[in-house]
Amino acid sequence: MTDINAGQPLSLNQYQQLAQKTAQYPGKGKDLTYPALGLNGEAGEVADKLKKVFRDNHGEFDPERKEALAYELGDCLWYIADLAIELGYSLETVAVMNVNKLSSRARRGLIGGDGDNR
């Protein structure tokens, strides 16, 4: 796998294809457990890094903390990309589905609140 230069354009689907080359785990292609748990773990790491910015740096983000957080977000994206593939979706399709859902809610004045079917 080749390295991509920061700032080089990369579509969601290109990312998904590149990330998929590194996906090796038990149940690959048959079980969503590993990538779902991985996403949860990485999201927890994002939250933990944010917590420490407030605890240790009075809520101020220096370049090192921003970069560390960006790496954790990338790990989340990897698991999201893998889960989408396991479900038979491209990341671009998932993104379009999400934007359409949110646009519909905004048009109907339902961005706030809770529940999937609003």
Protein backbone atom coordinates (compact mmCIF):
# COMPACT_ATOMS: atom_id res chain seq x y z
CA MET A 1 0.00 0.00 0.00
CA THR A 2 1.36 3.42 -0.93
CA ASP A 3 1.34 6.46 1.30
CA ILE A 4 -0.90 9.36 0.34
CA ASN A 5 0.37 12.90 0.82
CA ALA A 6 -1.59 15.05 3.25
CA GLY A 7 -3.76 17.47 1.33
CA GLN A 8 -3.95 15.20 -1.71
CA PRO A 9 -7.58 14.75 -2.80
CA LEU A 10 -9.01 11.40 -1.81
CA SER A 11 -12.66 10.48 -2.31
CA LEU A 12 -14.52 8.57 0.35
CA ASN A 13 -14.69 5.52 -1.89
CA GLN A 14 -10.96 5.70 -2.67
CA TYR A 15 -10.28 5.87 1.07
CA GLN A 16 -12.57 2.91 1.67
CA GLN A 17 -10.78 0.82 -0.96
CA LEU A 18 -7.34 1.67 0.44
CA ALA A 19 -8.40 1.09 4.03
CA GLN A 20 -9.96 -2.25 3.11
CA LYS A 21 -6.53 -3.54 2.08
CA THR A 22 -5.51 -3.42 5.75
CA ALA A 23 -8.64 -5.12 7.14
CA GLN A 24 -7.60 -8.42 8.70
CA TYR A 25 -9.59 -9.83 11.58
CA PRO A 26 -11.56 -12.92 12.63
CA GLY A 27 -14.94 -13.17 10.94
CA LYS A 28 -14.03 -10.76 8.12
CA GLY A 29 -16.92 -10.74 5.67
CA LYS A 30 -19.25 -12.66 7.99
CA ASP A 31 -19.47 -10.83 11.31
CA LEU A 32 -19.95 -7.17 12.23
CA THR A 33 -18.85 -7.68 15.85
CA TYR A 34 -15.15 -6.88 15.45
CA PRO A 35 -15.54 -3.66 13.43
CA ALA A 36 -18.48 -2.48 15.56
CA LEU A 37 -16.52 -3.00 18.77
CA GLY A 38 -13.47 -1.39 17.18
CA LEU A 39 -15.49 1.70 16.27
CA ASN A 40 -16.80 1.93 19.81
CA GLY A 41 -13.26 1.66 21.19
CA GLU A 42 -11.89 4.32 18.86
CA ALA A 43 -14.80 6.67 19.59
CA GLY A 44 -13.94 6.20 23.26
CA GLU A 45 -10.35 7.21 22.52
CA VAL A 46 -11.62 10.38 20.82
CA ALA A 47 -13.69 11.18 23.91
CA ASP A 48 -10.75 10.43 26.20
CA LYS A 49 -8.42 12.75 24.29
CA LEU A 50 -11.07 15.49 24.41
CA LYS A 51 -11.52 14.95 28.14
CA LYS A 52 -7.79 15.33 28.71
CA VAL A 53 -7.72 18.61 26.77
CA PHE A 54 -10.25 19.99 29.27
CA ARG A 55 -8.56 18.41 32.28
CA ASP A 56 -4.94 19.14 31.43
CA ASN A 57 -5.03 22.11 29.06
CA HIS A 58 -8.10 24.15 30.14
CA GLY A 59 -9.95 23.27 26.92
CA GLU A 60 -7.22 24.72 24.69
CA PHE A 61 -6.19 22.68 21.64
CA ASP A 62 -2.55 22.95 20.72
CA PRO A 63 -1.29 21.54 17.40
CA GLU A 64 -0.14 18.27 19.00
CA ARG A 65 -3.51 17.61 20.61
CA LYS A 66 -5.33 18.44 17.37
CA GLU A 67 -3.12 16.03 15.45
CA ALA A 68 -3.59 13.26 18.01
CA LEU A 69 -7.35 13.76 17.79
CA ALA A 70 -7.22 13.70 13.98
CA TYR A 71 -5.44 10.32 14.11
CA GLU A 72 -8.16 8.93 16.36
CA LEU A 73 -10.85 10.28 14.02
CA GLY A 74 -9.04 8.47 11.21
CA ASP A 75 -9.24 5.24 13.19
CA CYS A 76 -13.00 5.81 13.59
CA LEU A 77 -13.27 6.40 9.85
CA TRP A 78 -11.44 3.12 9.17
CA TYR A 79 -14.00 1.17 11.20
CA ILE A 80 -16.92 3.05 9.63
CA ALA A 81 -15.53 2.28 6.17
CA ASP A 82 -15.19 -1.39 7.07
CA LEU A 83 -18.66 -1.62 8.57
CA ALA A 84 -20.11 -0.05 5.43
CA ILE A 85 -18.36 -2.64 3.27
CA GLU A 86 -19.58 -5.45 5.51
CA LEU A 87 -23.12 -4.12 4.98
CA GLY A 88 -22.64 -3.77 1.23
CA TYR A 89 -22.42 0.04 1.07
CA SER A 90 -19.80 2.44 -0.20
CA LEU A 91 -18.83 5.32 2.08
CA GLU A 92 -20.08 7.77 -0.53
CA THR A 93 -23.48 6.08 -0.53
CA VAL A 94 -23.61 6.23 3.28
CA ALA A 95 -22.64 9.92 3.17
CA VAL A 96 -25.36 10.71 0.61
CA MET A 97 -27.94 8.80 2.64
CA ASN A 98 -26.98 10.78 5.74
CA VAL A 99 -27.06 14.18 4.03
CA ASN A 100 -30.45 13.39 2.53
CA LYS A 101 -31.81 12.30 5.91
CA LEU A 102 -30.53 15.46 7.61
CA SER A 103 -31.76 17.71 4.78
CA SER A 104 -35.22 16.20 5.09
CA ARG A 105 -35.22 16.80 8.84
CA ALA A 106 -34.05 20.40 8.35
CA ARG A 107 -36.79 21.10 5.79
CA ARG A 108 -39.38 19.74 8.19
CA GLY A 109 -37.92 21.55 11.23
CA LEU A 110 -36.94 18.28 12.93
CA ILE A 111 -33.17 18.60 13.39
CA GLY A 112 -33.66 18.85 17.16
CA GLY A 113 -35.29 16.13 19.17
CA ASP A 114 -34.64 12.43 19.15
CA GLY A 115 -35.63 9.28 17.37
CA ASP A 116 -34.66 7.80 14.04
CA ASN A 117 -38.03 8.35 12.34
CA ARG A 118 -38.50 12.10 12.68
